[in-house]
């Protein structure tokens, strides 16, 4: 999981964030210790602590003295909101701008996205599709 594309402490923070967003790490649940992250990923414990502290500083995690780190209430909703904003800035706006340059309408763009993502509604009912087979 650890790669050279970005600082390791940020990758640790993202790993925890991903667990919170996908529900693996529930709100008010304890997250692995910095020593556990360090041992598992074979990194310096100070690096793991730096990644965890990024999330403490942003209110995603909180410390219980002598017990460990826990996911804050509302952390998942805050992460989803932040990531949604980032998604719009990084992907949606450039996509819409390029579509506009190419003369692609919003409806056409929506259809393209649905088809490429597998989200497009299939034509006909299940019964009609089965009959056609």
N, C-alpha and C. Protein backbone atom coordinates (compact mmCIF):
# COMPACT_ATOMS: atom_id res chain seq x y z
N UNK A 1 0.80 -1.19 0.00
CA UNK A 1 0.00 0.00 0.00
C UNK A 1 0.85 1.26 0.00
N UNK A 2 1.98 1.24 0.64
CA UNK A 2 2.83 2.42 0.70
C UNK A 2 3.59 2.52 -0.62
N UNK A 3 3.56 3.73 -1.23
CA UNK A 3 4.29 3.95 -2.48
C UNK A 3 5.09 5.24 -2.40
N UNK A 4 5.81 5.55 -3.44
CA UNK A 4 6.70 6.71 -3.45
C UNK A 4 6.08 7.97 -4.02
N UNK A 5 4.79 7.96 -4.33
CA UNK A 5 4.18 9.11 -4.99
C UNK A 5 3.88 10.27 -4.05
N UNK A 6 3.77 10.00 -2.76
CA UNK A 6 3.49 11.07 -1.79
C UNK A 6 4.08 10.69 -0.45
N UNK A 7 4.22 11.65 0.45
CA UNK A 7 4.81 11.34 1.76
C UNK A 7 4.06 10.22 2.48
N UNK A 8 4.83 9.39 3.17
CA UNK A 8 4.27 8.22 3.84
C UNK A 8 3.25 8.63 4.90
N UNK A 9 3.51 9.70 5.65
CA UNK A 9 2.57 10.09 6.70
C UNK A 9 1.21 10.46 6.11
N UNK A 10 1.19 11.06 4.90
CA UNK A 10 -0.08 11.37 4.25
C UNK A 10 -0.79 10.10 3.79
N UNK A 11 -0.01 9.11 3.39
CA UNK A 11 -0.61 7.84 2.98
C UNK A 11 -1.25 7.13 4.18
N UNK A 12 -0.62 7.24 5.34
CA UNK A 12 -1.21 6.67 6.55
C UNK A 12 -2.52 7.38 6.87
N UNK A 13 -2.51 8.72 6.79
CA UNK A 13 -3.74 9.49 7.04
C UNK A 13 -4.83 9.09 6.05
N UNK A 14 -4.49 8.94 4.77
CA UNK A 14 -5.47 8.53 3.76
C UNK A 14 -6.00 7.13 4.01
N UNK A 15 -5.13 6.25 4.45
CA UNK A 15 -5.54 4.88 4.76
C UNK A 15 -6.61 4.88 5.86
N UNK A 16 -6.39 5.68 6.88
CA UNK A 16 -7.38 5.78 7.96
C UNK A 16 -8.66 6.44 7.44
N UNK A 17 -8.50 7.52 6.67
CA UNK A 17 -9.68 8.19 6.09
C UNK A 17 -10.50 7.22 5.26
N UNK A 18 -9.83 6.42 4.44
CA UNK A 18 -10.55 5.46 3.60
C UNK A 18 -11.34 4.47 4.45
N UNK A 19 -10.75 4.03 5.54
CA UNK A 19 -11.46 3.12 6.44
C UNK A 19 -12.68 3.76 7.06
N UNK A 20 -12.58 5.04 7.36
CA UNK A 20 -13.72 5.76 7.94
C UNK A 20 -14.81 5.94 6.89
N UNK A 21 -14.42 6.36 5.69
CA UNK A 21 -15.39 6.60 4.62
C UNK A 21 -16.11 5.31 4.22
N UNK A 22 -15.37 4.21 4.09
CA UNK A 22 -16.02 2.96 3.66
C UNK A 22 -16.69 2.20 4.80
N UNK A 23 -16.59 2.72 6.02
CA UNK A 23 -17.28 2.11 7.15
C UNK A 23 -16.49 1.06 7.89
N UNK A 24 -15.28 0.77 7.46
CA UNK A 24 -14.45 -0.21 8.14
C UNK A 24 -14.11 0.27 9.55
N UNK A 25 -13.89 1.59 9.68
CA UNK A 25 -13.62 2.19 10.98
C UNK A 25 -14.81 3.06 11.36
N UNK A 26 -15.64 2.54 12.21
CA UNK A 26 -16.87 3.24 12.60
C UNK A 26 -16.56 4.40 13.54
N UNK A 27 -17.46 5.36 13.57
CA UNK A 27 -17.32 6.48 14.49
C UNK A 27 -17.32 5.95 15.92
N UNK A 28 -16.48 6.54 16.72
CA UNK A 28 -16.25 6.18 18.13
C UNK A 28 -15.52 4.85 18.30
N UNK A 29 -15.04 4.26 17.20
CA UNK A 29 -14.24 3.05 17.33
C UNK A 29 -12.76 3.42 17.42
N UNK A 30 -12.00 2.54 18.02
CA UNK A 30 -10.57 2.77 18.18
C UNK A 30 -9.84 2.42 16.89
N UNK A 31 -8.87 3.24 16.53
CA UNK A 31 -8.04 2.95 15.35
C UNK A 31 -6.75 2.29 15.82
N UNK A 32 -6.07 1.58 14.92
CA UNK A 32 -4.81 0.96 15.33
C UNK A 32 -3.82 2.01 15.86
N UNK A 33 -2.95 1.58 16.74
CA UNK A 33 -1.96 2.48 17.32
C UNK A 33 -0.90 2.83 16.29
N UNK A 34 -0.15 3.88 16.59
CA UNK A 34 0.93 4.25 15.67
C UNK A 34 1.97 3.14 15.58
N UNK A 35 2.20 2.44 16.68
CA UNK A 35 3.14 1.32 16.65
C UNK A 35 2.63 0.19 15.77
N UNK A 36 1.32 -0.05 15.81
CA UNK A 36 0.74 -1.09 14.95
C UNK A 36 0.87 -0.70 13.47
N UNK A 37 0.58 0.56 13.15
CA UNK A 37 0.77 1.03 11.77
C UNK A 37 2.23 0.89 11.35
N UNK A 38 3.13 1.30 12.24
CA UNK A 38 4.56 1.25 11.94
C UNK A 38 5.02 -0.19 11.68
N UNK A 39 4.60 -1.10 12.53
CA UNK A 39 5.02 -2.50 12.36
C UNK A 39 4.43 -3.10 11.10
N UNK A 40 3.15 -2.85 10.86
CA UNK A 40 2.49 -3.44 9.69
C UNK A 40 3.09 -2.93 8.38
N UNK A 41 3.35 -1.63 8.31
CA UNK A 41 3.85 -1.03 7.07
C UNK A 41 5.37 -0.91 7.04
N UNK A 42 6.01 -1.35 8.11
CA UNK A 42 7.47 -1.30 8.23
C UNK A 42 8.00 0.12 8.01
N UNK A 43 7.45 1.02 8.81
CA UNK A 43 7.85 2.42 8.76
C UNK A 43 8.22 2.87 10.17
N UNK A 44 8.81 4.03 10.26
CA UNK A 44 9.18 4.61 11.54
C UNK A 44 7.90 4.98 12.31
N UNK A 45 7.83 4.64 13.60
CA UNK A 45 6.66 5.02 14.39
C UNK A 45 6.38 6.53 14.38
N UNK A 46 7.42 7.34 14.29
CA UNK A 46 7.22 8.80 14.24
C UNK A 46 6.49 9.21 12.97
N UNK A 47 6.75 8.50 11.88
CA UNK A 47 6.06 8.78 10.62
C UNK A 47 4.59 8.40 10.73
N UNK A 48 4.32 7.25 11.33
CA UNK A 48 2.93 6.82 11.53
C UNK A 48 2.21 7.82 12.45
N UNK A 49 2.89 8.27 13.50
CA UNK A 49 2.30 9.23 14.43
C UNK A 49 1.98 10.54 13.72
N UNK A 50 2.84 10.95 12.82
CA UNK A 50 2.61 12.19 12.07
C UNK A 50 1.34 12.07 11.24
N UNK A 51 1.12 10.93 10.61
CA UNK A 51 -0.09 10.70 9.82
C UNK A 51 -1.35 10.71 10.68
N UNK A 52 -1.28 10.08 11.84
CA UNK A 52 -2.41 10.06 12.75
C UNK A 52 -2.69 11.47 13.27
N UNK A 53 -1.63 12.20 13.59
CA UNK A 53 -1.79 13.56 14.13
C UNK A 53 -2.40 14.53 13.12
N UNK A 54 -2.19 14.28 11.85
CA UNK A 54 -2.85 15.11 10.82
C UNK A 54 -4.37 15.00 11.01
N UNK A 55 -4.84 13.79 11.29
CA UNK A 55 -6.28 13.57 11.47
C UNK A 55 -6.77 14.06 12.82
N UNK A 56 -5.92 14.02 13.82
CA UNK A 56 -6.29 14.58 15.13
C UNK A 56 -6.44 16.09 14.98
N UNK A 57 -5.48 16.72 14.31
CA UNK A 57 -5.50 18.17 14.12
C UNK A 57 -6.73 18.64 13.34
N UNK A 58 -7.23 17.79 12.44
CA UNK A 58 -8.39 18.16 11.64
C UNK A 58 -9.71 17.71 12.27
N UNK A 59 -9.65 17.09 13.45
CA UNK A 59 -10.86 16.71 14.16
C UNK A 59 -11.48 15.40 13.71
N UNK A 60 -10.78 14.65 12.90
CA UNK A 60 -11.28 13.36 12.42
C UNK A 60 -11.07 12.28 13.49
N UNK A 61 -9.96 12.36 14.19
CA UNK A 61 -9.65 11.45 15.29
C UNK A 61 -9.49 12.26 16.56
N UNK A 62 -9.67 11.59 17.69
CA UNK A 62 -9.37 12.24 18.97
C UNK A 62 -8.67 11.23 19.87
N UNK A 63 -7.92 11.77 20.83
CA UNK A 63 -7.13 10.93 21.74
C UNK A 63 -7.88 10.73 23.05
N UNK A 64 -7.81 9.51 23.54
CA UNK A 64 -8.23 9.21 24.91
C UNK A 64 -6.95 8.83 25.64
N UNK A 65 -6.55 9.70 26.51
CA UNK A 65 -5.27 9.52 27.20
C UNK A 65 -5.17 8.12 27.82
N UNK A 66 -4.08 7.46 27.49
CA UNK A 66 -3.81 6.14 28.04
C UNK A 66 -4.57 5.01 27.37
N UNK A 67 -5.47 5.35 26.43
CA UNK A 67 -6.27 4.30 25.78
C UNK A 67 -5.93 4.21 24.30
N UNK A 68 -5.91 5.36 23.60
CA UNK A 68 -5.59 5.34 22.18
C UNK A 68 -6.35 6.40 21.40
N UNK A 69 -6.38 6.21 20.10
CA UNK A 69 -7.04 7.13 19.18
C UNK A 69 -8.38 6.56 18.75
N UNK A 70 -9.36 7.44 18.60
CA UNK A 70 -10.71 7.04 18.24
C UNK A 70 -11.25 7.93 17.12
N UNK A 71 -12.15 7.37 16.34
CA UNK A 71 -12.80 8.12 15.27
C UNK A 71 -13.85 9.03 15.90
N UNK A 72 -13.79 10.31 15.55
CA UNK A 72 -14.71 11.30 16.11
C UNK A 72 -16.11 11.13 15.53
N UNK A 73 -17.10 11.49 16.31
CA UNK A 73 -18.47 11.52 15.83
C UNK A 73 -18.58 12.55 14.72
N UNK A 74 -19.20 12.18 13.62
CA UNK A 74 -19.36 13.08 12.48
C UNK A 74 -18.18 13.08 11.51
N UNK A 75 -17.16 12.28 11.81
CA UNK A 75 -15.96 12.25 10.97
C UNK A 75 -16.27 11.78 9.55
N UNK A 76 -17.09 10.75 9.44
CA UNK A 76 -17.41 10.22 8.11
C UNK A 76 -18.10 11.27 7.25
N UNK A 77 -19.08 11.96 7.81
CA UNK A 77 -19.80 12.99 7.05
C UNK A 77 -18.86 14.12 6.64
N UNK A 78 -17.96 14.52 7.54
CA UNK A 78 -16.99 15.59 7.20
C UNK A 78 -16.05 15.15 6.09
N UNK A 79 -15.58 13.90 6.17
CA UNK A 79 -14.68 13.40 5.13
C UNK A 79 -15.38 13.31 3.78
N UNK A 80 -16.60 12.82 3.79
CA UNK A 80 -17.35 12.70 2.53
C UNK A 80 -17.59 14.08 1.94
N UNK A 81 -17.94 15.05 2.76
CA UNK A 81 -18.16 16.41 2.26
C UNK A 81 -16.87 16.99 1.66
N UNK A 82 -15.76 16.82 2.37
CA UNK A 82 -14.48 17.32 1.85
C UNK A 82 -14.08 16.63 0.56
N UNK A 83 -14.21 15.31 0.54
CA UNK A 83 -13.82 14.57 -0.66
C UNK A 83 -14.74 14.87 -1.84
N UNK A 84 -16.00 15.13 -1.57
CA UNK A 84 -16.92 15.50 -2.64
C UNK A 84 -16.49 16.83 -3.26
N UNK A 85 -16.14 17.80 -2.43
CA UNK A 85 -15.65 19.08 -2.93
C UNK A 85 -14.39 18.89 -3.77
N UNK A 86 -13.47 18.07 -3.28
CA UNK A 86 -12.23 17.79 -4.01
C UNK A 86 -12.53 17.10 -5.34
N UNK A 87 -13.49 16.19 -5.34
CA UNK A 87 -13.88 15.47 -6.55
C UNK A 87 -14.40 16.44 -7.60
N UNK A 88 -15.24 17.36 -7.17
CA UNK A 88 -15.79 18.35 -8.10
C UNK A 88 -14.66 19.18 -8.70
N UNK A 89 -13.74 19.65 -7.87
CA UNK A 89 -12.64 20.50 -8.35
C UNK A 89 -11.68 19.73 -9.27
N UNK A 90 -11.34 18.49 -8.90
CA UNK A 90 -10.34 17.73 -9.64
C UNK A 90 -10.88 17.06 -10.90
N UNK A 91 -12.15 16.67 -10.88
CA UNK A 91 -12.67 15.87 -11.98
C UNK A 91 -13.87 16.50 -12.70
N UNK A 92 -14.87 16.92 -11.96
CA UNK A 92 -16.11 17.37 -12.59
C UNK A 92 -15.91 18.67 -13.35
N UNK A 93 -15.29 19.65 -12.72
CA UNK A 93 -15.10 20.94 -13.41
C UNK A 93 -14.26 20.82 -14.67
N UNK A 94 -13.11 20.12 -14.63
CA UNK A 94 -12.35 19.95 -15.88
C UNK A 94 -13.12 19.16 -16.94
N UNK A 95 -13.89 18.17 -16.52
CA UNK A 95 -14.70 17.39 -17.45
C UNK A 95 -15.74 18.26 -18.12
N UNK A 96 -16.44 19.06 -17.33
CA UNK A 96 -17.48 19.95 -17.86
C UNK A 96 -16.88 20.99 -18.80
N UNK A 97 -15.71 21.50 -18.44
CA UNK A 97 -15.04 22.50 -19.29
C UNK A 97 -14.67 21.89 -20.64
N UNK A 98 -14.11 20.72 -20.63
CA UNK A 98 -13.73 20.05 -21.88
C UNK A 98 -14.96 19.71 -22.71
N UNK A 99 -16.02 19.25 -22.06
CA UNK A 99 -17.26 18.94 -22.77
C UNK A 99 -17.80 20.20 -23.46
N UNK A 100 -17.76 21.32 -22.75
CA UNK A 100 -18.24 22.58 -23.32
C UNK A 100 -17.40 22.96 -24.55
N UNK A 101 -16.08 22.79 -24.46
CA UNK A 101 -15.20 23.09 -25.60
C UNK A 101 -15.54 22.23 -26.81
N UNK A 102 -15.95 21.00 -26.56
CA UNK A 102 -16.24 20.06 -27.64
C UNK A 102 -17.69 20.15 -28.11
N UNK A 103 -18.48 20.98 -27.47
CA UNK A 103 -19.88 21.12 -27.86
C UNK A 103 -20.76 19.98 -27.40
N UNK A 104 -20.32 19.29 -26.35
CA UNK A 104 -21.10 18.18 -25.81
C UNK A 104 -22.12 18.75 -24.82
N UNK A 105 -23.38 18.44 -25.01
CA UNK A 105 -24.42 18.95 -24.12
C UNK A 105 -24.36 18.23 -22.78
N UNK A 106 -25.00 18.82 -21.78
CA UNK A 106 -25.06 18.20 -20.45
C UNK A 106 -25.74 16.84 -20.54
N UNK A 107 -26.78 16.76 -21.34
CA UNK A 107 -27.49 15.49 -21.50
C UNK A 107 -26.59 14.43 -22.13
N UNK A 108 -25.85 14.81 -23.16
CA UNK A 108 -24.93 13.87 -23.81
C UNK A 108 -23.84 13.43 -22.83
N UNK A 109 -23.31 14.38 -22.09
CA UNK A 109 -22.27 14.07 -21.12
C UNK A 109 -22.79 13.11 -20.06
N UNK A 110 -23.98 13.37 -19.56
CA UNK A 110 -24.59 12.49 -18.57
C UNK A 110 -24.75 11.07 -19.12
N UNK A 111 -25.20 10.96 -20.36
CA UNK A 111 -25.36 9.65 -21.00
C UNK A 111 -24.01 8.95 -21.11
N UNK A 112 -22.97 9.68 -21.50
CA UNK A 112 -21.62 9.10 -21.61
C UNK A 112 -21.15 8.57 -20.26
N UNK A 113 -21.37 9.36 -19.21
CA UNK A 113 -20.94 8.95 -17.87
C UNK A 113 -21.71 7.71 -17.43
N UNK A 114 -23.01 7.70 -17.64
CA UNK A 114 -23.81 6.54 -17.24
C UNK A 114 -23.35 5.29 -17.97
N UNK A 115 -23.11 5.40 -19.27
CA UNK A 115 -22.69 4.23 -20.05
C UNK A 115 -21.31 3.73 -19.63
N UNK A 116 -20.38 4.64 -19.40
CA UNK A 116 -19.02 4.22 -19.08
C UNK A 116 -18.90 3.70 -17.65
N UNK A 117 -19.83 4.07 -16.78
CA UNK A 117 -19.75 3.63 -15.39
C UNK A 117 -20.63 2.42 -15.10
N UNK A 118 -21.42 2.01 -16.06
CA UNK A 118 -22.34 0.91 -15.84
C UNK A 118 -23.58 1.33 -15.08
N UNK A 119 -23.82 2.64 -14.99
CA UNK A 119 -24.98 3.13 -14.26
C UNK A 119 -26.18 3.38 -15.16
N UNK A 120 -26.00 3.23 -16.46
CA UNK A 120 -27.09 3.51 -17.39
C UNK A 120 -28.22 2.53 -17.18
N UNK A 121 -29.45 3.02 -17.14
CA UNK A 121 -30.59 2.11 -17.01
C UNK A 121 -30.69 1.26 -18.26
N UNK A 122 -30.92 -0.01 -18.04
CA UNK A 122 -31.06 -0.91 -19.19
C UNK A 122 -32.45 -0.75 -19.78
N UNK A 123 -32.52 -0.90 -21.09
CA UNK A 123 -33.82 -0.77 -21.74
C UNK A 123 -34.63 -2.03 -21.53
N UNK A 124 -35.93 -1.85 -21.36
CA UNK A 124 -36.83 -3.00 -21.20
C UNK A 124 -36.82 -3.53 -19.79
N UNK A 125 -37.78 -4.34 -19.49
CA UNK A 125 -37.87 -4.97 -18.18
C UNK A 125 -37.04 -6.24 -18.16
N UNK A 126 -36.82 -6.79 -16.99
CA UNK A 126 -36.11 -8.06 -16.88
C UNK A 126 -36.82 -9.14 -17.67
N UNK A 127 -38.15 -9.11 -17.62
CA UNK A 127 -38.95 -10.11 -18.33
C UNK A 127 -38.72 -10.00 -19.84
N UNK A 128 -38.70 -8.73 -20.36
CA UNK A 128 -38.50 -8.52 -21.79
C UNK A 128 -37.09 -8.97 -22.20
N UNK A 129 -36.08 -8.67 -21.35
CA UNK A 129 -34.70 -9.06 -21.67
C UNK A 129 -34.58 -10.58 -21.66
N UNK A 130 -35.23 -11.23 -20.70
CA UNK A 130 -35.18 -12.69 -20.62
C UNK A 130 -35.84 -13.33 -21.83
N UNK A 131 -36.96 -12.75 -22.27
CA UNK A 131 -37.68 -13.27 -23.44
C UNK A 131 -36.85 -13.14 -24.70
N UNK A 132 -36.03 -12.08 -24.76
CA UNK A 132 -35.22 -11.85 -25.95
C UNK A 132 -34.08 -12.85 -26.06
N UNK A 133 -33.70 -13.46 -24.93
CA UNK A 133 -32.61 -14.44 -24.93
C UNK A 133 -33.14 -15.73 -25.43
